[in-house]
């Protein structure tokens, strides 16, 4: 299936194909809890990396612990 999404202001849009029956999962790691706020978790889309298409520019936060990266919109700050 083709999954599509965007940040809040729609300056960054993405699409990706997924073969899983549930194409997302909740992440509850300490980094996602701190950067996502709210419910304390992020929603991670499980897609096929080669099919990812992104329109617009993102900024990247690199976690000090674990080396993970979190992309976000530079205009509205939405986590991507």
PDB file of N, CA and C in Angstrom:
ATOM      1  N   UNK A   1       0.839  -1.173   0.000  1.00  0.00           N
ATOM      2  CA  UNK A   1       0.000   0.000   0.000  1.00  0.00           C
ATOM      3  C   UNK A   1       0.884   1.236   0.000  1.00  0.00           C
ATOM      4  N   UNK A   2       0.368   2.325  -0.548  1.00  0.00           N
ATOM      5  CA  UNK A   2       1.096   3.584  -0.589  1.00  0.00           C
ATOM      6  C   UNK A   2       0.653   4.441   0.596  1.00  0.00           C
ATOM      7  N   UNK A   3       1.606   4.852   1.416  1.00  0.00           N
ATOM      8  CA  UNK A   3       1.326   5.716   2.564  1.00  0.00           C
ATOM      9  C   UNK A   3       1.783   7.127   2.221  1.00  0.00           C
ATOM     10  N   UNK A   4       0.978   8.118   2.591  1.00  0.00           N
ATOM     11  CA  UNK A   4       1.315   9.512   2.344  1.00  0.00           C
ATOM     12  C   UNK A   4       1.150  10.292   3.634  1.00  0.00           C
ATOM     13  N   UNK A   5       1.984  11.323   3.789  1.00  0.00           N
ATOM     14  CA  UNK A   5       1.872  12.151   4.978  1.00  0.00           C
ATOM     15  C   UNK A   5       2.553  13.490   4.767  1.00  0.00           C
ATOM     16  N   UNK A   6       2.430  14.345   5.769  1.00  0.00           N
ATOM     17  CA  UNK A   6       3.050  15.664   5.692  1.00  0.00           C
ATOM     18  C   UNK A   6       3.202  16.227   7.096  1.00  0.00           C
ATOM     19  N   UNK A   7       3.929  17.338   7.164  1.00  0.00           N
ATOM     20  CA  UNK A   7       3.998  18.073   8.420  1.00  0.00           C
ATOM     21  C   UNK A   7       2.704  18.878   8.554  1.00  0.00           C
ATOM     22  N   UNK A   8       2.557  19.606   9.628  1.00  0.00           N
ATOM     23  CA  UNK A   8       1.328  20.361   9.880  1.00  0.00           C
ATOM     24  C   UNK A   8       1.083  21.441   8.819  1.00  0.00           C
ATOM     25  N   UNK A   9       2.131  22.168   8.425  1.00  0.00           N
ATOM     26  CA  UNK A   9       1.961  23.276   7.465  1.00  0.00           C
ATOM     27  C   UNK A   9       2.053  22.817   6.017  1.00  0.00           C
ATOM     28  N   UNK A  10       2.322  21.549   5.785  1.00  0.00           N
ATOM     29  CA  UNK A  10       2.416  20.918   4.465  1.00  0.00           C
ATOM     30  C   UNK A  10       3.615  21.389   3.641  1.00  0.00           C
ATOM     31  N   UNK A  11       4.615  21.998   4.282  1.00  0.00           N
ATOM     32  CA  UNK A  11       5.840  22.389   3.579  1.00  0.00           C
ATOM     33  C   UNK A  11       6.686  21.164   3.251  1.00  0.00           C
ATOM     34  N   UNK A  12       6.521  20.093   4.028  1.00  0.00           N
ATOM     35  CA  UNK A  12       7.227  18.831   3.788  1.00  0.00           C
ATOM     36  C   UNK A  12       6.176  17.739   3.621  1.00  0.00           C
ATOM     37  N   UNK A  13       6.269  17.013   2.517  1.00  0.00           N
ATOM     38  CA  UNK A  13       5.336  15.904   2.247  1.00  0.00           C
ATOM     39  C   UNK A  13       6.148  14.664   1.924  1.00  0.00           C
ATOM     40  N   UNK A  14       5.589  13.512   2.224  1.00  0.00           N
ATOM     41  CA  UNK A  14       6.299  12.268   1.912  1.00  0.00           C
ATOM     42  C   UNK A  14       5.338  11.193   1.463  1.00  0.00           C
ATOM     43  N   UNK A  15       5.890  10.215   0.762  1.00  0.00           N
ATOM     44  CA  UNK A  15       5.146   9.005   0.407  1.00  0.00           C
ATOM     45  C   UNK A  15       6.125   7.844   0.492  1.00  0.00           C
ATOM     46  N   UNK A  16       5.590   6.674   0.834  1.00  0.00           N
ATOM     47  CA  UNK A  16       6.409   5.467   0.942  1.00  0.00           C
ATOM     48  C   UNK A  16       5.494   4.258   0.791  1.00  0.00           C
ATOM     49  N   UNK A  17       6.003   3.207   0.217  1.00  0.00           N
ATOM     50  CA  UNK A  17       5.237   1.961   0.082  1.00  0.00           C
ATOM     51  C   UNK A  17       5.526   1.059   1.278  1.00  0.00           C
ATOM     52  N   UNK A  18       4.509   0.301   1.695  1.00  0.00           N
ATOM     53  CA  UNK A  18       4.652  -0.626   2.814  1.00  0.00           C
ATOM     54  C   UNK A  18       3.996  -1.947   2.459  1.00  0.00           C
ATOM     55  N   UNK A  19       4.607  -3.029   2.916  1.00  0.00           N
ATOM     56  CA  UNK A  19       4.047  -4.365   2.679  1.00  0.00           C
ATOM     57  C   UNK A  19       3.500  -4.982   3.963  1.00  0.00           C
ATOM     58  N   UNK A  20       3.551  -4.251   5.063  1.00  0.00           N
ATOM     59  CA  UNK A  20       3.090  -4.814   6.335  1.00  0.00           C
ATOM     60  C   UNK A  20       1.595  -4.578   6.504  1.00  0.00           C
ATOM     61  N   UNK A  21       0.890  -5.482   7.183  1.00  0.00           N
ATOM     62  CA  UNK A  21      -0.554  -5.311   7.376  1.00  0.00           C
ATOM     63  C   UNK A  21      -0.873  -4.126   8.288  1.00  0.00           C
ATOM     64  N   UNK A  22       0.028  -3.795   9.194  1.00  0.00           N
ATOM     65  CA  UNK A  22      -0.113  -2.613  10.040  1.00  0.00           C
ATOM     66  C   UNK A  22       1.117  -1.762   9.754  1.00  0.00           C
ATOM     67  N   UNK A  23       0.980  -0.733   8.910  1.00  0.00           N
ATOM     68  CA  UNK A  23       2.167  -0.016   8.427  1.00  0.00           C
ATOM     69  C   UNK A  23       2.745   1.030   9.388  1.00  0.00           C
ATOM     70  N   UNK A  24       2.521   0.865  10.671  1.00  0.00           N
ATOM     71  CA  UNK A  24       3.104   1.797  11.629  1.00  0.00           C
ATOM     72  C   UNK A  24       3.308   1.096  12.959  1.00  0.00           C
ATOM     73  N   UNK A  25       4.116   1.687  13.788  1.00  0.00           N
ATOM     74  CA  UNK A  25       4.288   1.173  15.144  1.00  0.00           C
ATOM     75  C   UNK A  25       4.570   2.356  16.060  1.00  0.00           C
ATOM     76  N   UNK A  26       4.234   2.210  17.311  1.00  0.00           N
ATOM     77  CA  UNK A  26       4.512   3.241  18.297  1.00  0.00           C
ATOM     78  C   UNK A  26       5.894   2.979  18.881  1.00  0.00           C
ATOM     79  N   UNK A  27       6.716   4.021  18.938  1.00  0.00           N
ATOM     80  CA  UNK A  27       8.027   3.905  19.563  1.00  0.00           C
ATOM     81  C   UNK A  27       7.965   4.585  20.923  1.00  0.00           C
ATOM     82  N   UNK A  28       8.469   3.936  21.925  1.00  0.00           N
ATOM     83  CA  UNK A  28       8.422   4.461  23.286  1.00  0.00           C
ATOM     84  C   UNK A  28       9.827   4.599  23.871  1.00  0.00           C
ATOM     85  N   UNK A  29      10.841   4.766  23.013  1.00  0.00           N
ATOM     86  CA  UNK A  29      12.206   4.926  23.516  1.00  0.00           C
ATOM     87  C   UNK A  29      12.341   6.286  24.202  1.00  0.00           C
ATOM     88  N   UNK A  30      13.388   6.467  24.961  1.00  0.00           N
ATOM     89  CA  UNK A  30      13.557   7.713  25.717  1.00  0.00           C
ATOM     90  C   UNK A  30      13.700   8.924  24.803  1.00  0.00           C
ATOM     91  N   UNK A  31      14.301   8.750  23.631  1.00  0.00           N
ATOM     92  CA  UNK A  31      14.463   9.873  22.708  1.00  0.00           C
ATOM     93  C   UNK A  31      13.107  10.294  22.143  1.00  0.00           C
ATOM     94  N   UNK A  32      12.304   9.340  21.709  1.00  0.00           N
ATOM     95  CA  UNK A  32      10.975   9.668  21.176  1.00  0.00           C
ATOM     96  C   UNK A  32      10.084  10.271  22.252  1.00  0.00           C
ATOM     97  N   UNK A  33      10.174   9.784  23.471  1.00  0.00           N
ATOM     98  CA  UNK A  33       9.363  10.350  24.548  1.00  0.00           C
ATOM     99  C   UNK A  33       9.703  11.820  24.770  1.00  0.00           C
ATOM    100  N   UNK A  34      10.969  12.157  24.697  1.00  0.00           N
ATOM    101  CA  UNK A  34      11.378  13.545  24.934  1.00  0.00           C
ATOM    102  C   UNK A  34      11.085  14.449  23.738  1.00  0.00           C
ATOM    103  N   UNK A  35      11.288  13.966  22.509  1.00  0.00           N
ATOM    104  CA  UNK A  35      11.093  14.831  21.342  1.00  0.00           C
ATOM    105  C   UNK A  35       9.641  14.888  20.880  1.00  0.00           C
ATOM    106  N   UNK A  36       8.844  13.834  21.108  1.00  0.00           N
ATOM    107  CA  UNK A  36       7.470  13.809  20.621  1.00  0.00           C
ATOM    108  C   UNK A  36       6.490  14.438  21.604  1.00  0.00           C
ATOM    109  N   UNK A  37       6.788  14.380  22.885  1.00  0.00           N
ATOM    110  CA  UNK A  37       5.877  14.961  23.875  1.00  0.00           C
ATOM    111  C   UNK A  37       4.514  14.295  23.836  1.00  0.00           C
ATOM    112  N   UNK A  38       3.508  14.981  24.310  1.00  0.00           N
ATOM    113  CA  UNK A  38       2.136  14.473  24.277  1.00  0.00           C
ATOM    114  C   UNK A  38       2.020  13.112  24.944  1.00  0.00           C
ATOM    115  N   UNK A  39       1.673  12.104  24.139  1.00  0.00           N
ATOM    116  CA  UNK A  39       1.503  10.757  24.651  1.00  0.00           C
ATOM    117  C   UNK A  39       2.819  10.086  25.012  1.00  0.00           C
ATOM    118  N   UNK A  40       3.920  10.750  24.736  1.00  0.00           N
ATOM    119  CA  UNK A  40       5.217  10.208  25.102  1.00  0.00           C
ATOM    120  C   UNK A  40       5.761   9.185  24.136  1.00  0.00           C
ATOM    121  N   UNK A  41       5.280   9.184  22.901  1.00  0.00           N
ATOM    122  CA  UNK A  41       5.779   8.230  21.917  1.00  0.00           C
ATOM    123  C   UNK A  41       5.673   8.854  20.531  1.00  0.00           C
ATOM    124  N   UNK A  42       6.378   8.304  19.608  1.00  0.00           N
ATOM    125  CA  UNK A  42       6.285   8.713  18.202  1.00  0.00           C
ATOM    126  C   UNK A  42       5.657   7.583  17.411  1.00  0.00           C
ATOM    127  N   UNK A  43       5.079   7.915  16.277  1.00  0.00           N
ATOM    128  CA  UNK A  43       4.548   6.893  15.381  1.00  0.00           C
ATOM    129  C   UNK A  43       5.556   6.720  14.261  1.00  0.00           C
ATOM    130  N   UNK A  44       6.086   5.526  14.138  1.00  0.00           N
ATOM    131  CA  UNK A  44       7.081   5.227  13.116  1.00  0.00           C
ATOM    132  C   UNK A  44       6.426   4.475  11.976  1.00  0.00           C
ATOM    133  N   UNK A  45       6.509   5.044  10.790  1.00  0.00           N
ATOM    134  CA  UNK A  45       5.962   4.390   9.599  1.00  0.00           C
ATOM    135  C   UNK A  45       6.943   3.309   9.168  1.00  0.00           C
ATOM    136  N   UNK A  46       6.432   2.099   8.937  1.00  0.00           N
ATOM    137  CA  UNK A  46       7.275   0.985   8.517  1.00  0.00           C
ATOM    138  C   UNK A  46       7.113   0.816   7.008  1.00  0.00           C
ATOM    139  N   UNK A  47       8.031   1.414   6.249  1.00  0.00           N
ATOM    140  CA  UNK A  47       7.933   1.364   4.802  1.00  0.00           C
ATOM    141  C   UNK A  47       9.190   0.806   4.181  1.00  0.00           C
ATOM    142  N   UNK A  48       9.144   0.635   2.881  1.00  0.00           N
ATOM    143  CA  UNK A  48      10.286   0.145   2.111  1.00  0.00           C
ATOM    144  C   UNK A  48      11.161   1.355   1.789  1.00  0.00           C
ATOM    145  N   UNK A  49      12.365   1.388   2.335  1.00  0.00           N
ATOM    146  CA  UNK A  49      13.237   2.567   2.259  1.00  0.00           C
ATOM    147  C   UNK A  49      13.452   3.065   0.831  1.00  0.00           C
ATOM    148  N   UNK A  50      13.619   2.158  -0.123  1.00  0.00           N
ATOM    149  CA  UNK A  50      13.884   2.557  -1.511  1.00  0.00           C
ATOM    150  C   UNK A  50      12.722   3.307  -2.153  1.00  0.00           C
ATOM    151  N   UNK A  51      11.515   3.216  -1.572  1.00  0.00           N
ATOM    152  CA  UNK A  51      10.347   3.870  -2.162  1.00  0.00           C
ATOM    153  C   UNK A  51      10.041   5.222  -1.516  1.00  0.00           C
ATOM    154  N   UNK A  52      10.808   5.628  -0.518  1.00  0.00           N
ATOM    155  CA  UNK A  52      10.557   6.889   0.176  1.00  0.00           C
ATOM    156  C   UNK A  52      10.812   8.082  -0.736  1.00  0.00           C
ATOM    157  N   UNK A  53       9.821   8.945  -0.847  1.00  0.00           N
ATOM    158  CA  UNK A  53       9.929  10.184  -1.612  1.00  0.00           C
ATOM    159  C   UNK A  53       9.556  11.338  -0.682  1.00  0.00           C
ATOM    160  N   UNK A  54      10.435  12.342  -0.605  1.00  0.00           N
ATOM    161  CA  UNK A  54      10.200  13.497   0.267  1.00  0.00           C
ATOM    162  C   UNK A  54      10.248  14.760  -0.571  1.00  0.00           C
ATOM    163  N   UNK A  55       9.247  15.629  -0.408  1.00  0.00           N
ATOM    164  CA  UNK A  55       9.217  16.932  -1.068  1.00  0.00           C
ATOM    165  C   UNK A  55       9.320  17.987   0.017  1.00  0.00           C
ATOM    166  N   UNK A  56      10.266  18.874  -0.118  1.00  0.00           N
ATOM    167  CA  UNK A  56      10.490  19.908   0.882  1.00  0.00           C
ATOM    168  C   UNK A  56      11.749  19.607   1.670  1.00  0.00           C
ATOM    169  N   UNK A  57      12.218  20.599   2.387  1.00  0.00           N
ATOM    170  CA  UNK A  57      13.455  20.470   3.168  1.00  0.00           C
ATOM    171  C   UNK A  57      13.131  20.152   4.614  1.00  0.00           C
ATOM    172  N   UNK A  58      13.912  19.245   5.210  1.00  0.00           N
ATOM    173  CA  UNK A  58      13.760  18.928   6.624  1.00  0.00           C
ATOM    174  C   UNK A  58      15.021  19.331   7.380  1.00  0.00           C
ATOM    175  N   UNK A  59      14.886  19.461   8.662  1.00  0.00           N
ATOM    176  CA  UNK A  59      16.028  19.641   9.560  1.00  0.00           C
ATOM    177  C   UNK A  59      16.192  18.325  10.307  1.00  0.00           C
ATOM    178  N   UNK A  60      17.397  18.067  10.811  1.00  0.00           N
ATOM    179  CA  UNK A  60      17.670  16.806  11.491  1.00  0.00           C
ATOM    180  C   UNK A  60      18.220  17.068  12.882  1.00  0.00           C
ATOM    181  N   UNK A  61      17.636  16.370  13.862  1.00  0.00           N
ATOM    182  CA  UNK A  61      18.174  16.358  15.222  1.00  0.00           C
ATOM    183  C   UNK A  61      18.880  15.023  15.394  1.00  0.00           C
ATOM    184  N   UNK A  62      20.131  15.053  15.796  1.00  0.00           N
ATOM    185  CA  UNK A  62      20.891  13.815  16.020  1.00  0.00           C
ATOM    186  C   UNK A  62      20.998  13.589  17.522  1.00  0.00           C
ATOM    187  N   UNK A  63      20.481  12.482  17.961  1.00  0.00           N
ATOM    188  CA  UNK A  63      20.489  12.155  19.388  1.00  0.00           C
ATOM    189  C   UNK A  63      21.911  11.876  19.863  1.00  0.00           C
ATOM    190  N   UNK A  64      22.221  12.354  21.052  1.00  0.00           N
ATOM    191  CA  UNK A  64      23.551  12.128  21.618  1.00  0.00           C
ATOM    192  C   UNK A  64      23.742  10.670  22.006  1.00  0.00           C
ATOM    193  N   UNK A  65      22.679  10.059  22.485  1.00  0.00           N
ATOM    194  CA  UNK A  65      22.745   8.661  22.916  1.00  0.00           C
ATOM    195  C   UNK A  65      22.122   7.774  21.854  1.00  0.00           C
ATOM    196  N   UNK A  66      22.836   6.836  21.355  1.00  0.00           N
ATOM    197  CA  UNK A  66      22.279   5.905  20.380  1.00  0.00           C
ATOM    198  C   UNK A  66      22.433   6.348  18.936  1.00  0.00           C
ATOM    199  N   UNK A  67      22.730   7.618  18.713  1.00  0.00           N
ATOM    200  CA  UNK A  67      22.971   8.100  17.359  1.00  0.00           C
ATOM    201  C   UNK A  67      21.762   8.180  16.457  1.00  0.00           C
ATOM    202  N   UNK A  68      20.556   8.045  17.005  1.00  0.00           N
ATOM    203  CA  UNK A  68      19.350   8.117  16.182  1.00  0.00           C
ATOM    204  C   UNK A  68      19.141   9.506  15.611  1.00  0.00           C
ATOM    205  N   UNK A  69      18.407   9.596  14.528  1.00  0.00           N
ATOM    206  CA  UNK A  69      18.102  10.866  13.897  1.00  0.00           C
ATOM    207  C   UNK A  69      16.609  11.103  13.935  1.00  0.00           C
ATOM    208  N   UNK A  70      16.203  12.340  14.170  1.00  0.00           N
ATOM    209  CA  UNK A  70      14.800  12.729  14.135  1.00  0.00           C
ATOM    210  C   UNK A  70      14.672  13.889  13.173  1.00  0.00           C
ATOM    211  N   UNK A  71      13.875  13.717  12.132  1.00  0.00           N
ATOM    212  CA  UNK A  71      13.667  14.774  11.148  1.00  0.00           C
ATOM    213  C   UNK A  71      12.452  15.600  11.554  1.00  0.00           C
ATOM    214  N   UNK A  72      12.492  16.904  11.265  1.00  0.00           N
ATOM    215  CA  UNK A  72      11.367  17.776  11.571  1.00  0.00           C
ATOM    216  C   UNK A  72      11.292  18.901  10.550  1.00  0.00           C
ATOM    217  N   UNK A  73      10.120  19.525  10.455  1.00  0.00           N
ATOM    218  CA  UNK A  73       9.905  20.632   9.533  1.00  0.00           C
ATOM    219  C   UNK A  73      10.509  21.907  10.118  1.00  0.00           C
ATOM    220  N   UNK A  74      11.321  22.633   9.333  1.00  0.00           N
ATOM    221  CA  UNK A  74      11.923  23.857   9.849  1.00  0.00           C
ATOM    222  C   UNK A  74      10.919  25.006   9.972  1.00  0.00           C
ATOM    223  N   UNK A  75       9.747  24.893   9.330  1.00  0.00           N
ATOM    224  CA  UNK A  75       8.744  25.974   9.407  1.00  0.00           C
ATOM    225  C   UNK A  75       7.796  25.806  10.591  1.00  0.00           C
ATOM    226  N   UNK A  76       7.192  24.606  10.732  1.00  0.00           N
ATOM    227  CA  UNK A  76       6.197  24.421  11.799  1.00  0.00           C
ATOM    228  C   UNK A  76       6.694  23.564  12.946  1.00  0.00           C
ATOM    229  N   UNK A  77       7.840  22.903  12.775  1.00  0.00           N
ATOM    230  CA  UNK A  77       8.421  22.094  13.844  1.00  0.00           C
ATOM    231  C   UNK A  77       7.839  20.705  14.001  1.00  0.00           C
ATOM    232  N   UNK A  78       6.908  20.307  13.128  1.00  0.00           N
ATOM    233  CA  UNK A  78       6.314  18.971  13.219  1.00  0.00           C
ATOM    234  C   UNK A  78       7.372  17.885  13.058  1.00  0.00           C
ATOM    235  N   UNK A  79       7.282  16.879  13.901  1.00  0.00           N
ATOM    236  CA  UNK A  79       8.164  15.714  13.767  1.00  0.00           C
ATOM    237  C   UNK A  79       7.737  14.949  12.530  1.00  0.00           C
ATOM    238  N   UNK A  80       8.732  14.456  11.798  1.00  0.00           N
ATOM    239  CA  UNK A  80       8.441  13.684  10.581  1.00  0.00           C
ATOM    240  C   UNK A  80       8.993  12.297  10.744  1.00  0.00           C
TER     241      UNK A  80
END
